Amino acid sequence: MTLIRAHKKVTRNFATLALGFVMALASANLAVADMMRPTNAPPAWDPPFSFTFSIGSNTGIGSIAAIAEPGNIFLATSGTLTVTGGLDANPTTYSLVPGGPPLTTSADGMFTYDDLFSQTDPTVDDSGLLFTGNGLEINIYASGPGMYGFASWNGSFYNVNDAGTGLALSFAETPEPPGIILFGSVLVCLGLKGFRKKTQSQH
């Protein structure tokens, strides 16, 4: 009986220590996430968004990190764009140019953008998102529901300037997996299993 009680007590102590370790990891993760938050970010820090678009012959995908703004809209703070179809298709990715919410002028002075988006059509406004890379500035914007535009400037002229109706640009949240909690749970299970085997071998 004494050995059984001791076994249970040690098992409880190990589980408590393991849970404390998991909670510490989770707290550290939240602290790191808070450090990465822009200094002007409101309390609502949102998960990443993925997006797809089909504007004329221009198609592509991308991902964006964002913060919530009033009115069910979001401000993109970082992200990447991969153009899979059209003249700007390239195996390299284009990077989001941070700006907004006030209108911001691109480095080449050819676009104004605010990096605001929503999940309802039109998902961007007439200023839209700006990306850069491979010697190009790329602006994705909307002029109304189902009316989107895709334009790129190569420093001398517009490489692409497509706009029209019946086009698509959609955003979807990409939930972050609870990796730390899952990892901690696995550690607890493995630790308890190993402890039980060791205890049984000592009887």
N, C-alpha and C. Protein backbone atom coordinates (compact mmCIF):
# COMPACT_ATOMS: atom_id res chain seq x y z
N MET A 1 0.83 -1.20 0.00
CA MET A 1 0.00 0.00 0.00
C MET A 1 0.87 1.27 0.00
N THR A 2 1.96 1.21 0.81
CA THR A 2 2.85 2.37 0.88
C THR A 2 3.49 2.66 -0.46
N LEU A 3 3.90 1.57 -1.17
CA LEU A 3 4.52 1.75 -2.49
C LEU A 3 3.51 2.32 -3.48
N ILE A 4 2.27 1.85 -3.41
CA ILE A 4 1.24 2.33 -4.33
C ILE A 4 0.97 3.82 -4.11
N ARG A 5 0.86 4.20 -2.79
CA ARG A 5 0.63 5.62 -2.49
C ARG A 5 1.79 6.48 -2.97
N ALA A 6 3.00 5.98 -2.74
CA ALA A 6 4.18 6.73 -3.19
C ALA A 6 4.18 6.88 -4.70
N HIS A 7 3.82 5.79 -5.39
CA HIS A 7 3.75 5.81 -6.86
C HIS A 7 2.76 6.88 -7.32
N LYS A 8 1.56 6.88 -6.72
CA LYS A 8 0.54 7.84 -7.12
C LYS A 8 0.98 9.27 -6.83
N LYS A 9 1.64 9.46 -5.68
CA LYS A 9 2.09 10.80 -5.32
C LYS A 9 3.13 11.31 -6.30
N VAL A 10 4.12 10.47 -6.65
CA VAL A 10 5.16 10.87 -7.60
C VAL A 10 4.55 11.14 -8.97
N THR A 11 3.58 10.28 -9.36
CA THR A 11 2.92 10.48 -10.67
C THR A 11 2.21 11.82 -10.71
N ARG A 12 1.49 12.15 -9.60
CA ARG A 12 0.81 13.44 -9.55
C ARG A 12 1.80 14.59 -9.59
N ASN A 13 2.91 14.44 -8.89
CA ASN A 13 3.93 15.49 -8.88
C ASN A 13 4.51 15.69 -10.27
N PHE A 14 4.76 14.57 -10.97
CA PHE A 14 5.32 14.66 -12.33
C PHE A 14 4.33 15.35 -13.26
N ALA A 15 3.05 14.97 -13.15
CA ALA A 15 2.03 15.58 -14.01
C ALA A 15 1.91 17.07 -13.73
N THR A 16 2.00 17.46 -12.44
CA THR A 16 1.93 18.87 -12.08
C THR A 16 3.10 19.65 -12.67
N LEU A 17 4.32 19.06 -12.54
CA LEU A 17 5.50 19.72 -13.10
C LEU A 17 5.40 19.84 -14.62
N ALA A 18 4.91 18.77 -15.27
CA ALA A 18 4.79 18.79 -16.73
C ALA A 18 3.78 19.83 -17.17
N LEU A 19 2.65 19.92 -16.43
CA LEU A 19 1.64 20.92 -16.77
C LEU A 19 2.20 22.32 -16.59
N GLY A 20 2.98 22.52 -15.51
CA GLY A 20 3.61 23.82 -15.30
C GLY A 20 4.56 24.17 -16.43
N PHE A 21 5.28 23.17 -16.93
CA PHE A 21 6.21 23.39 -18.04
C PHE A 21 5.46 23.81 -19.28
N VAL A 22 4.32 23.13 -19.55
CA VAL A 22 3.51 23.46 -20.73
C VAL A 22 2.97 24.88 -20.61
N MET A 23 2.47 25.25 -19.41
CA MET A 23 1.93 26.58 -19.22
C MET A 23 3.01 27.64 -19.39
N ALA A 24 4.23 27.34 -18.93
CA ALA A 24 5.34 28.28 -19.10
C ALA A 24 5.66 28.48 -20.57
N LEU A 25 5.65 27.38 -21.34
CA LEU A 25 5.91 27.49 -22.78
C LEU A 25 4.84 28.33 -23.46
N ALA A 26 3.58 28.10 -23.08
CA ALA A 26 2.48 28.85 -23.68
C ALA A 26 2.61 30.33 -23.35
N SER A 27 2.98 30.64 -22.10
CA SER A 27 3.15 32.05 -21.70
C SER A 27 4.29 32.70 -22.48
N ALA A 28 5.37 31.93 -22.67
CA ALA A 28 6.50 32.46 -23.44
C ALA A 28 6.10 32.74 -24.87
N ASN A 29 5.28 31.84 -25.45
CA ASN A 29 4.83 32.02 -26.83
C ASN A 29 3.99 33.28 -26.95
N LEU A 30 3.09 33.50 -25.97
CA LEU A 30 2.26 34.69 -26.00
C LEU A 30 3.11 35.95 -25.85
N ALA A 31 4.15 35.88 -25.02
CA ALA A 31 5.03 37.03 -24.83
C ALA A 31 5.75 37.38 -26.12
N VAL A 32 6.24 36.35 -26.83
CA VAL A 32 6.92 36.58 -28.11
C VAL A 32 5.97 37.18 -29.12
N ALA A 33 4.73 36.65 -29.17
CA ALA A 33 3.74 37.18 -30.10
C ALA A 33 3.43 38.64 -29.80
N ASP A 34 3.38 38.99 -28.49
CA ASP A 34 3.12 40.36 -28.11
C ASP A 34 4.27 41.28 -28.51
N MET A 35 5.51 40.76 -28.41
CA MET A 35 6.67 41.56 -28.81
C MET A 35 6.66 41.83 -30.30
N MET A 36 6.12 40.89 -31.10
CA MET A 36 6.10 41.03 -32.55
C MET A 36 4.98 41.96 -33.01
N ARG A 37 4.03 42.26 -32.12
CA ARG A 37 2.91 43.11 -32.50
C ARG A 37 3.40 44.53 -32.73
N PRO A 38 2.96 45.18 -33.81
CA PRO A 38 3.35 46.57 -34.03
C PRO A 38 2.94 47.44 -32.86
N THR A 39 3.70 48.50 -32.58
CA THR A 39 3.42 49.32 -31.40
C THR A 39 2.07 50.01 -31.48
N ASN A 40 1.54 50.22 -32.69
CA ASN A 40 0.25 50.88 -32.83
C ASN A 40 -0.88 49.89 -33.03
N ALA A 41 -0.61 48.60 -32.79
CA ALA A 41 -1.64 47.59 -33.02
C ALA A 41 -2.70 47.64 -31.93
N PRO A 42 -4.00 47.57 -32.29
CA PRO A 42 -5.05 47.51 -31.29
C PRO A 42 -5.04 46.14 -30.62
N PRO A 43 -5.84 45.96 -29.54
CA PRO A 43 -5.83 44.69 -28.82
C PRO A 43 -6.21 43.49 -29.69
N ALA A 44 -7.04 43.70 -30.71
CA ALA A 44 -7.49 42.57 -31.53
C ALA A 44 -6.41 42.18 -32.53
N TRP A 45 -5.63 41.17 -32.20
CA TRP A 45 -4.55 40.68 -33.06
C TRP A 45 -5.04 39.42 -33.73
N ASP A 46 -5.13 39.41 -35.03
CA ASP A 46 -5.81 38.33 -35.72
C ASP A 46 -4.88 37.29 -36.32
N PRO A 47 -5.44 36.09 -36.57
CA PRO A 47 -4.62 35.05 -37.21
C PRO A 47 -4.30 35.43 -38.64
N PRO A 48 -3.35 34.73 -39.27
CA PRO A 48 -3.04 35.03 -40.66
C PRO A 48 -4.23 34.76 -41.58
N PHE A 49 -4.22 35.41 -42.72
CA PHE A 49 -5.23 35.19 -43.75
C PHE A 49 -4.54 34.64 -45.00
N SER A 50 -5.22 33.75 -45.68
CA SER A 50 -4.78 33.33 -47.01
C SER A 50 -5.73 33.96 -48.01
N PHE A 51 -5.25 34.19 -49.23
CA PHE A 51 -6.13 34.77 -50.23
C PHE A 51 -5.82 34.21 -51.61
N THR A 52 -6.80 34.26 -52.46
CA THR A 52 -6.66 33.83 -53.85
C THR A 52 -7.27 34.92 -54.74
N PHE A 53 -6.81 35.00 -55.96
CA PHE A 53 -7.41 35.97 -56.88
C PHE A 53 -7.37 35.46 -58.31
N SER A 54 -8.33 35.94 -59.08
CA SER A 54 -8.40 35.67 -60.52
C SER A 54 -8.90 36.96 -61.16
N ILE A 55 -7.99 37.72 -61.73
CA ILE A 55 -8.30 39.02 -62.30
C ILE A 55 -7.77 39.04 -63.72
N GLY A 56 -8.65 38.90 -64.68
CA GLY A 56 -8.23 38.76 -66.06
C GLY A 56 -7.39 37.51 -66.21
N SER A 57 -6.23 37.62 -66.84
CA SER A 57 -5.34 36.47 -66.98
C SER A 57 -4.44 36.30 -65.77
N ASN A 58 -4.58 37.18 -64.79
CA ASN A 58 -3.72 37.17 -63.61
C ASN A 58 -4.35 36.36 -62.48
N THR A 59 -3.64 35.34 -62.05
CA THR A 59 -4.12 34.50 -60.96
C THR A 59 -3.00 34.34 -59.94
N GLY A 60 -3.38 34.02 -58.72
CA GLY A 60 -2.36 33.82 -57.71
C GLY A 60 -2.92 33.55 -56.34
N ILE A 61 -2.00 33.38 -55.41
CA ILE A 61 -2.34 33.09 -54.02
C ILE A 61 -1.42 33.92 -53.13
N GLY A 62 -1.75 33.98 -51.86
CA GLY A 62 -0.89 34.70 -50.94
C GLY A 62 -1.32 34.51 -49.51
N SER A 63 -0.54 35.07 -48.61
CA SER A 63 -0.87 35.02 -47.18
C SER A 63 -0.53 36.37 -46.57
N ILE A 64 -1.34 36.75 -45.58
CA ILE A 64 -1.22 38.08 -44.97
C ILE A 64 -1.43 37.99 -43.47
N ALA A 65 -0.61 38.71 -42.72
CA ALA A 65 -0.85 38.92 -41.29
C ALA A 65 -1.55 40.26 -41.15
N ALA A 66 -2.51 40.35 -40.23
CA ALA A 66 -3.31 41.56 -40.17
C ALA A 66 -3.75 41.87 -38.75
N ILE A 67 -4.18 43.11 -38.55
CA ILE A 67 -4.79 43.52 -37.30
C ILE A 67 -6.17 44.07 -37.61
N ALA A 68 -7.07 43.93 -36.65
CA ALA A 68 -8.45 44.36 -36.85
C ALA A 68 -8.56 45.87 -36.78
N GLU A 69 -9.39 46.42 -37.65
CA GLU A 69 -9.72 47.83 -37.66
C GLU A 69 -11.23 47.96 -37.45
N PRO A 70 -11.71 49.11 -37.04
CA PRO A 70 -13.16 49.29 -36.89
C PRO A 70 -13.90 49.02 -38.19
N GLY A 71 -15.12 48.49 -38.06
CA GLY A 71 -15.95 48.29 -39.25
C GLY A 71 -15.75 46.97 -39.95
N ASN A 72 -15.28 45.95 -39.22
CA ASN A 72 -15.08 44.61 -39.79
C ASN A 72 -14.11 44.60 -40.97
N ILE A 73 -13.10 45.44 -40.88
CA ILE A 73 -12.04 45.42 -41.89
C ILE A 73 -10.71 45.15 -41.19
N PHE A 74 -9.70 44.84 -41.98
CA PHE A 74 -8.40 44.47 -41.43
C PHE A 74 -7.30 45.26 -42.13
N LEU A 75 -6.25 45.54 -41.39
CA LEU A 75 -5.08 46.20 -41.95
C LEU A 75 -3.97 45.17 -42.11
N ALA A 76 -3.57 44.95 -43.35
CA ALA A 76 -2.48 44.01 -43.62
C ALA A 76 -1.17 44.63 -43.14
N THR A 77 -0.40 43.87 -42.38
CA THR A 77 0.87 44.38 -41.84
C THR A 77 2.09 43.72 -42.48
N SER A 78 1.92 42.51 -42.98
CA SER A 78 3.00 41.82 -43.68
C SER A 78 2.37 40.70 -44.48
N GLY A 79 3.11 40.18 -45.45
CA GLY A 79 2.57 39.09 -46.24
C GLY A 79 3.33 38.89 -47.54
N THR A 80 2.90 37.88 -48.26
CA THR A 80 3.54 37.55 -49.54
C THR A 80 2.48 37.26 -50.59
N LEU A 81 2.86 37.45 -51.83
CA LEU A 81 2.00 37.20 -52.98
C LEU A 81 2.76 36.33 -53.96
N THR A 82 2.10 35.29 -54.45
CA THR A 82 2.67 34.45 -55.50
C THR A 82 1.75 34.53 -56.71
N VAL A 83 2.24 35.06 -57.81
CA VAL A 83 1.46 35.17 -59.05
C VAL A 83 1.68 33.90 -59.86
N THR A 84 0.60 33.15 -60.08
CA THR A 84 0.71 31.86 -60.77
C THR A 84 0.32 31.93 -62.24
N GLY A 85 -0.33 33.02 -62.65
CA GLY A 85 -0.72 33.16 -64.05
C GLY A 85 -0.68 34.61 -64.48
N GLY A 86 -0.36 34.86 -65.76
CA GLY A 86 -0.26 36.22 -66.26
C GLY A 86 1.18 36.62 -66.51
N LEU A 87 1.37 37.84 -66.98
CA LEU A 87 2.72 38.31 -67.33
C LEU A 87 3.64 38.41 -66.12
N ASP A 88 3.08 38.59 -64.94
CA ASP A 88 3.91 38.74 -63.74
C ASP A 88 4.14 37.43 -62.99
N ALA A 89 3.71 36.32 -63.59
CA ALA A 89 3.92 35.02 -62.94
C ALA A 89 5.42 34.79 -62.76
N ASN A 90 5.77 34.38 -61.55
CA ASN A 90 7.19 34.24 -61.21
C ASN A 90 7.32 33.27 -60.06
N PRO A 91 8.33 32.41 -60.09
CA PRO A 91 8.50 31.46 -58.97
C PRO A 91 8.84 32.15 -57.65
N THR A 92 9.38 33.37 -57.70
CA THR A 92 9.67 34.10 -56.47
C THR A 92 8.39 34.77 -55.98
N THR A 93 8.38 35.14 -54.72
CA THR A 93 7.20 35.78 -54.15
C THR A 93 7.40 37.29 -54.07
N TYR A 94 6.30 38.00 -54.08
CA TYR A 94 6.31 39.44 -53.90
C TYR A 94 5.94 39.73 -52.45
N SER A 95 6.52 40.75 -51.86
CA SER A 95 6.30 41.09 -50.46
C SER A 95 5.33 42.24 -50.32
N LEU A 96 4.47 42.16 -49.31
CA LEU A 96 3.56 43.25 -49.03
C LEU A 96 4.35 44.49 -48.61
N VAL A 97 3.93 45.64 -49.12
CA VAL A 97 4.53 46.91 -48.70
C VAL A 97 3.63 47.49 -47.61
N PRO A 98 4.10 47.57 -46.36
CA PRO A 98 3.24 48.09 -45.28
C PRO A 98 2.84 49.54 -45.54
N GLY A 99 1.61 49.86 -45.18
CA GLY A 99 1.10 51.21 -45.33
C GLY A 99 -0.28 51.30 -44.72
N GLY A 100 -0.90 52.47 -44.80
CA GLY A 100 -2.25 52.62 -44.32
C GLY A 100 -2.35 52.68 -42.80
N PRO A 101 -3.59 52.83 -42.28
CA PRO A 101 -4.82 52.99 -43.03
C PRO A 101 -4.93 54.25 -43.91
N PRO A 102 -4.26 55.38 -43.55
CA PRO A 102 -4.34 56.51 -44.49
C PRO A 102 -3.72 56.14 -45.83
N LEU A 103 -4.15 56.80 -46.88
CA LEU A 103 -3.60 56.53 -48.19
C LEU A 103 -2.09 56.78 -48.19
N THR A 104 -1.37 55.84 -48.80
CA THR A 104 0.09 55.91 -48.88
C THR A 104 0.49 55.84 -50.35
N THR A 105 1.48 56.59 -50.74
CA THR A 105 1.96 56.58 -52.13
C THR A 105 3.13 55.61 -52.25
N SER A 106 3.12 54.80 -53.32
CA SER A 106 4.19 53.83 -53.53
C SER A 106 5.51 54.52 -53.80
N ALA A 107 6.60 53.78 -53.68
CA ALA A 107 7.94 54.34 -53.85
C ALA A 107 8.13 54.97 -55.22
N ASP A 108 7.56 54.34 -56.26
CA ASP A 108 7.69 54.88 -57.61
C ASP A 108 6.66 55.97 -57.90
N GLY A 109 5.74 56.19 -56.95
CA GLY A 109 4.75 57.25 -57.11
C GLY A 109 3.61 56.93 -58.06
N MET A 110 3.45 55.66 -58.46
CA MET A 110 2.43 55.31 -59.45
C MET A 110 1.15 54.76 -58.82
N PHE A 111 1.19 54.38 -57.55
CA PHE A 111 0.01 53.83 -56.89
C PHE A 111 -0.21 54.49 -55.54
N THR A 112 -1.46 54.61 -55.16
CA THR A 112 -1.80 54.90 -53.77
C THR A 112 -2.47 53.66 -53.22
N TYR A 113 -2.19 53.34 -51.97
CA TYR A 113 -2.71 52.11 -51.37
C TYR A 113 -2.95 52.34 -49.88
N ASP A 114 -3.77 51.47 -49.27
CA ASP A 114 -4.02 51.57 -47.83
C ASP A 114 -3.89 50.23 -47.12
N ASP A 115 -3.71 49.14 -47.87
CA ASP A 115 -3.52 47.79 -47.31
C ASP A 115 -4.69 47.35 -46.43
N LEU A 116 -5.89 47.83 -46.72
CA LEU A 116 -7.08 47.41 -45.99
C LEU A 116 -7.83 46.36 -46.78
N PHE A 117 -8.43 45.39 -46.07
CA PHE A 117 -9.24 44.37 -46.75
C PHE A 117 -10.32 43.87 -45.80
N SER A 118 -11.28 43.15 -46.36
CA SER A 118 -12.35 42.54 -45.58
C SER A 118 -12.64 41.18 -46.18
N GLN A 119 -13.64 40.49 -45.62
CA GLN A 119 -14.02 39.18 -46.13
C GLN A 119 -15.34 39.23 -46.89
N THR A 120 -15.82 40.43 -47.20
CA THR A 120 -17.04 40.58 -47.99
C THR A 120 -16.71 41.36 -49.27
N ASP A 121 -17.43 41.05 -50.32
CA ASP A 121 -17.20 41.65 -51.63
C ASP A 121 -17.72 43.09 -51.67
N PRO A 122 -16.93 44.07 -52.09
CA PRO A 122 -15.53 43.97 -52.53
C PRO A 122 -14.59 43.84 -51.33
N THR A 123 -13.64 42.95 -51.43
CA THR A 123 -12.76 42.65 -50.30
C THR A 123 -11.67 43.70 -50.10
N VAL A 124 -11.42 44.53 -51.09
CA VAL A 124 -10.50 45.67 -50.96
C VAL A 124 -11.19 46.89 -51.53
N ASP A 125 -10.62 48.07 -51.27
CA ASP A 125 -11.20 49.29 -51.82
C ASP A 125 -10.45 49.71 -53.08
N ASP A 126 -10.67 50.95 -53.52
CA ASP A 126 -10.05 51.38 -54.78
C ASP A 126 -8.57 51.72 -54.64
N SER A 127 -8.04 51.60 -53.41
CA SER A 127 -6.60 51.76 -53.22
C SER A 127 -5.92 50.41 -53.06
N GLY A 128 -6.52 49.54 -52.27
CA GLY A 128 -6.10 48.14 -52.20
C GLY A 128 -4.76 47.87 -51.56
N LEU A 129 -4.18 46.75 -51.99
CA LEU A 129 -2.93 46.24 -51.43
C LEU A 129 -1.78 46.51 -52.40
N LEU A 130 -0.58 46.70 -51.83
CA LEU A 130 0.60 46.90 -52.66
C LEU A 130 1.67 45.87 -52.31
N PHE A 131 2.22 45.25 -53.34
CA PHE A 131 3.31 44.28 -53.19
C PHE A 131 4.48 44.73 -54.06
N THR A 132 5.68 44.26 -53.70
CA THR A 132 6.85 44.62 -54.49
C THR A 132 7.80 43.44 -54.57
N GLY A 133 8.59 43.42 -55.65
CA GLY A 133 9.56 42.35 -55.85
C GLY A 133 9.83 42.17 -57.33
N ASN A 134 10.98 41.57 -57.64
CA ASN A 134 11.33 41.29 -59.03
C ASN A 134 11.28 42.55 -59.90
N GLY A 135 11.60 43.71 -59.30
CA GLY A 135 11.61 44.96 -60.05
C GLY A 135 10.24 45.53 -60.32
N LEU A 136 9.20 45.01 -59.66
CA LEU A 136 7.83 45.45 -59.90
C LEU A 136 7.16 45.97 -58.64
N GLU A 137 6.22 46.88 -58.83
CA GLU A 137 5.22 47.22 -57.83
C GLU A 137 3.89 46.67 -58.34
N ILE A 138 3.18 45.93 -57.50
CA ILE A 138 1.91 45.32 -57.90
C ILE A 138 0.81 45.83 -56.98
N ASN A 139 -0.24 46.37 -57.59
CA ASN A 139 -1.39 46.89 -56.86
C ASN A 139 -2.63 46.06 -57.20
N ILE A 140 -3.28 45.53 -56.18
CA ILE A 140 -4.55 44.81 -56.34
C ILE A 140 -5.63 45.63 -55.66
N TYR A 141 -6.67 46.00 -56.39
CA TYR A 141 -7.67 46.94 -55.89
C TYR A 141 -9.05 46.55 -56.40
N ALA A 142 -10.06 47.30 -55.99
CA ALA A 142 -11.43 47.05 -56.45
C ALA A 142 -12.12 48.38 -56.73
N SER A 143 -13.05 48.36 -57.68
CA SER A 143 -13.84 49.56 -57.96
C SER A 143 -15.31 49.33 -57.62
N GLY A 144 -15.62 48.13 -57.10
CA GLY A 144 -16.99 47.80 -56.72
C GLY A 144 -17.13 46.30 -56.54
N PRO A 145 -18.31 45.82 -56.14
CA PRO A 145 -18.53 44.38 -55.97
C PRO A 145 -18.24 43.60 -57.26
N GLY A 146 -17.37 42.60 -57.17
CA GLY A 146 -17.04 41.80 -58.34
C GLY A 146 -16.24 42.53 -59.39
N MET A 147 -15.74 43.72 -59.04
CA MET A 147 -14.98 44.53 -60.00
C MET A 147 -13.60 44.80 -59.43
N TYR A 148 -12.61 44.04 -59.91
CA TYR A 148 -11.27 44.12 -59.34
C TYR A 148 -10.25 44.49 -60.42
N GLY A 149 -9.12 45.01 -59.95
CA GLY A 149 -8.06 45.39 -60.86
C GLY A 149 -6.72 44.86 -60.39
N PHE A 150 -5.85 44.59 -61.32
CA PHE A 150 -4.49 44.11 -61.06
C PHE A 150 -3.56 44.92 -61.95
N ALA A 151 -2.66 45.67 -61.35
CA ALA A 151 -1.74 46.51 -62.13
C ALA A 151 -0.33 46.36 -61.59
N SER A 152 0.62 46.37 -62.49
CA SER A 152 2.03 46.30 -62.08
C SER A 152 2.84 47.33 -62.85
N TRP A 153 3.80 47.94 -62.16
CA TRP A 153 4.66 48.97 -62.73
C TRP A 153 6.11 48.50 -62.62
N ASN A 154 6.83 48.54 -63.74
CA ASN A 154 8.21 48.02 -63.75
C ASN A 154 9.27 49.12 -63.65
N GLY A 155 8.85 50.32 -63.31
CA GLY A 155 9.79 51.43 -63.19
C GLY A 155 9.77 52.35 -64.39
N SER A 156 9.23 51.84 -65.52
CA SER A 156 9.17 52.65 -66.75
C SER A 156 7.78 52.70 -67.34
N PHE A 157 7.04 51.59 -67.25
CA PHE A 157 5.69 51.53 -67.80
C PHE A 157 4.91 50.43 -67.08
N TYR A 158 3.60 50.41 -67.33
CA TYR A 158 2.75 49.38 -66.74
C TYR A 158 2.98 48.05 -67.44
N ASN A 159 3.48 47.09 -66.70
CA ASN A 159 3.67 45.76 -67.25
C ASN A 159 2.33 45.07 -67.43
N VAL A 160 1.42 45.28 -66.48
CA VAL A 160 0.06 44.74 -66.53
C VAL A 160 -0.87 45.82 -66.00
N ASN A 161 -2.05 45.92 -66.62
CA ASN A 161 -3.07 46.84 -66.12
C ASN A 161 -4.44 46.29 -66.51
N ASP A 162 -4.89 45.30 -65.74
CA ASP A 162 -6.15 44.61 -66.04
C ASP A 162 -7.21 44.97 -65.01
N ALA A 163 -8.43 45.15 -65.47
CA ALA A 163 -9.56 45.40 -64.58
C ALA A 163 -10.83 44.96 -65.30
N GLY A 164 -11.84 44.60 -64.51
CA GLY A 164 -13.09 44.18 -65.13
C GLY A 164 -14.07 43.66 -64.11
N THR A 165 -15.16 43.07 -64.61
CA THR A 165 -16.22 42.55 -63.74
C THR A 165 -16.16 41.02 -63.71
N GLY A 166 -16.89 40.45 -62.78
CA GLY A 166 -16.94 38.99 -62.66
C GLY A 166 -15.62 38.40 -62.21
N LEU A 167 -14.83 39.20 -61.48
CA LEU A 167 -13.52 38.76 -61.05
C LEU A 167 -13.56 38.43 -59.56
N ALA A 168 -12.52 37.80 -59.06
CA ALA A 168 -12.56 37.32 -57.69
C ALA A 168 -11.28 37.62 -56.93
N LEU A 169 -11.47 38.06 -55.68
CA LEU A 169 -10.38 38.22 -54.72
C LEU A 169 -10.99 37.88 -53.37
N SER A 170 -10.58 36.78 -52.77
CA SER A 170 -11.20 36.34 -51.52
C SER A 170 -10.15 36.07 -50.46
N PHE A 171 -10.54 36.31 -49.20
CA PHE A 171 -9.67 36.13 -48.05
C PHE A 171 -10.30 35.13 -47.08
N ALA A 172 -9.48 34.32 -46.46
CA ALA A 172 -9.95 33.35 -45.47
C ALA A 172 -8.95 33.27 -44.33
N GLU A 173 -9.46 33.20 -43.11
CA GLU A 173 -8.58 33.07 -41.95
C GLU A 173 -7.84 31.75 -41.98
N THR A 174 -6.60 31.77 -41.56
CA THR A 174 -5.78 30.56 -41.45
C THR A 174 -5.45 30.36 -39.98
N PRO A 175 -6.27 29.57 -39.25
CA PRO A 175 -6.02 29.41 -37.81
C PRO A 175 -4.65 28.83 -37.54
N GLU A 176 -3.99 29.37 -36.53
CA GLU A 176 -2.68 28.86 -36.13
C GLU A 176 -2.87 27.62 -35.26
N PRO A 177 -2.22 26.49 -35.58
CA PRO A 177 -2.38 25.28 -34.77
C PRO A 177 -1.81 25.46 -33.39
N PRO A 178 -2.48 24.91 -32.36
CA PRO A 178 -1.98 25.03 -30.99
C PRO A 178 -0.78 24.12 -30.79
N GLY A 179 0.32 24.42 -31.48
CA GLY A 179 1.49 23.53 -31.48
C GLY A 179 2.10 23.32 -30.12
N ILE A 180 2.19 24.39 -29.34
CA ILE A 180 2.86 24.26 -28.04
C ILE A 180 2.05 23.37 -27.11
N ILE A 181 0.71 23.57 -27.09
CA ILE A 181 -0.12 22.75 -26.21
C ILE A 181 -0.05 21.29 -26.64
N LEU A 182 -0.10 21.03 -27.95
CA LEU A 182 -0.02 19.66 -28.44
C LEU A 182 1.32 19.05 -28.08
N PHE A 183 2.40 19.82 -28.27
CA PHE A 183 3.74 19.33 -27.94
C PHE A 183 3.84 19.01 -26.45
N GLY A 184 3.29 19.90 -25.63
CA GLY A 184 3.33 19.68 -24.19
C GLY A 184 2.54 18.46 -23.78
N SER A 185 1.38 18.25 -24.40
CA SER A 185 0.57 17.09 -24.08
C SER A 185 1.30 15.80 -24.42
N VAL A 186 1.99 15.80 -25.55
CA VAL A 186 2.77 14.62 -25.94
C VAL A 186 3.87 14.35 -24.92
N LEU A 187 4.54 15.41 -24.47
CA LEU A 187 5.59 15.24 -23.46
C LEU A 187 5.03 14.64 -22.18
N VAL A 188 3.86 15.13 -21.77
CA VAL A 188 3.24 14.60 -20.54
C VAL A 188 2.93 13.12 -20.69
N CYS A 189 2.31 12.76 -21.82
CA CYS A 189 1.94 11.36 -22.05
C CYS A 189 3.17 10.46 -22.09
N LEU A 190 4.19 10.89 -22.82
CA LEU A 190 5.40 10.09 -22.92
C LEU A 190 6.10 9.98 -21.57
N GLY A 191 6.11 11.07 -20.83
CA GLY A 191 6.76 11.05 -19.52
C GLY A 191 6.06 10.13 -18.55
N LEU A 192 4.72 10.19 -18.52
CA LEU A 192 3.96 9.31 -17.63
C LEU A 192 4.14 7.85 -18.01
N LYS A 193 4.13 7.59 -19.34
CA LYS A 193 4.30 6.22 -19.80
C LYS A 193 5.67 5.67 -19.39
N GLY A 194 6.72 6.49 -19.60
CA GLY A 194 8.07 6.06 -19.24
C GLY A 194 8.22 5.87 -17.74
N PHE A 195 7.58 6.78 -16.96
CA PHE A 195 7.67 6.65 -15.50
C PHE A 195 7.00 5.37 -15.02
N ARG A 196 5.83 5.04 -15.58
CA ARG A 196 5.11 3.84 -15.16
C ARG A 196 5.92 2.59 -15.47
N LYS A 197 6.54 2.57 -16.67
CA LYS A 197 7.35 1.40 -17.03
C LYS A 197 8.51 1.24 -16.07
N LYS A 198 9.14 2.37 -15.71
CA LYS A 198 10.27 2.30 -14.81
C LYS A 198 9.83 1.83 -13.43
N THR A 199 8.68 2.32 -12.98
CA THR A 199 8.18 1.93 -11.66
C THR A 199 7.81 0.46 -11.62
N GLN A 200 7.14 -0.03 -12.71
CA GLN A 200 6.76 -1.44 -12.78
C GLN A 200 7.97 -2.34 -12.80
N SER A 201 9.05 -1.91 -13.44
CA SER A 201 10.27 -2.74 -13.52
C SER A 201 10.97 -2.84 -12.17
N GLN A 202 10.66 -1.89 -11.27
CA GLN A 202 11.30 -1.91 -9.96
C GLN A 202 10.56 -2.77 -8.95
N HIS A 203 9.30 -3.18 -9.27
CA HIS A 203 8.53 -4.02 -8.34
C HIS A 203 9.06 -5.46 -8.36
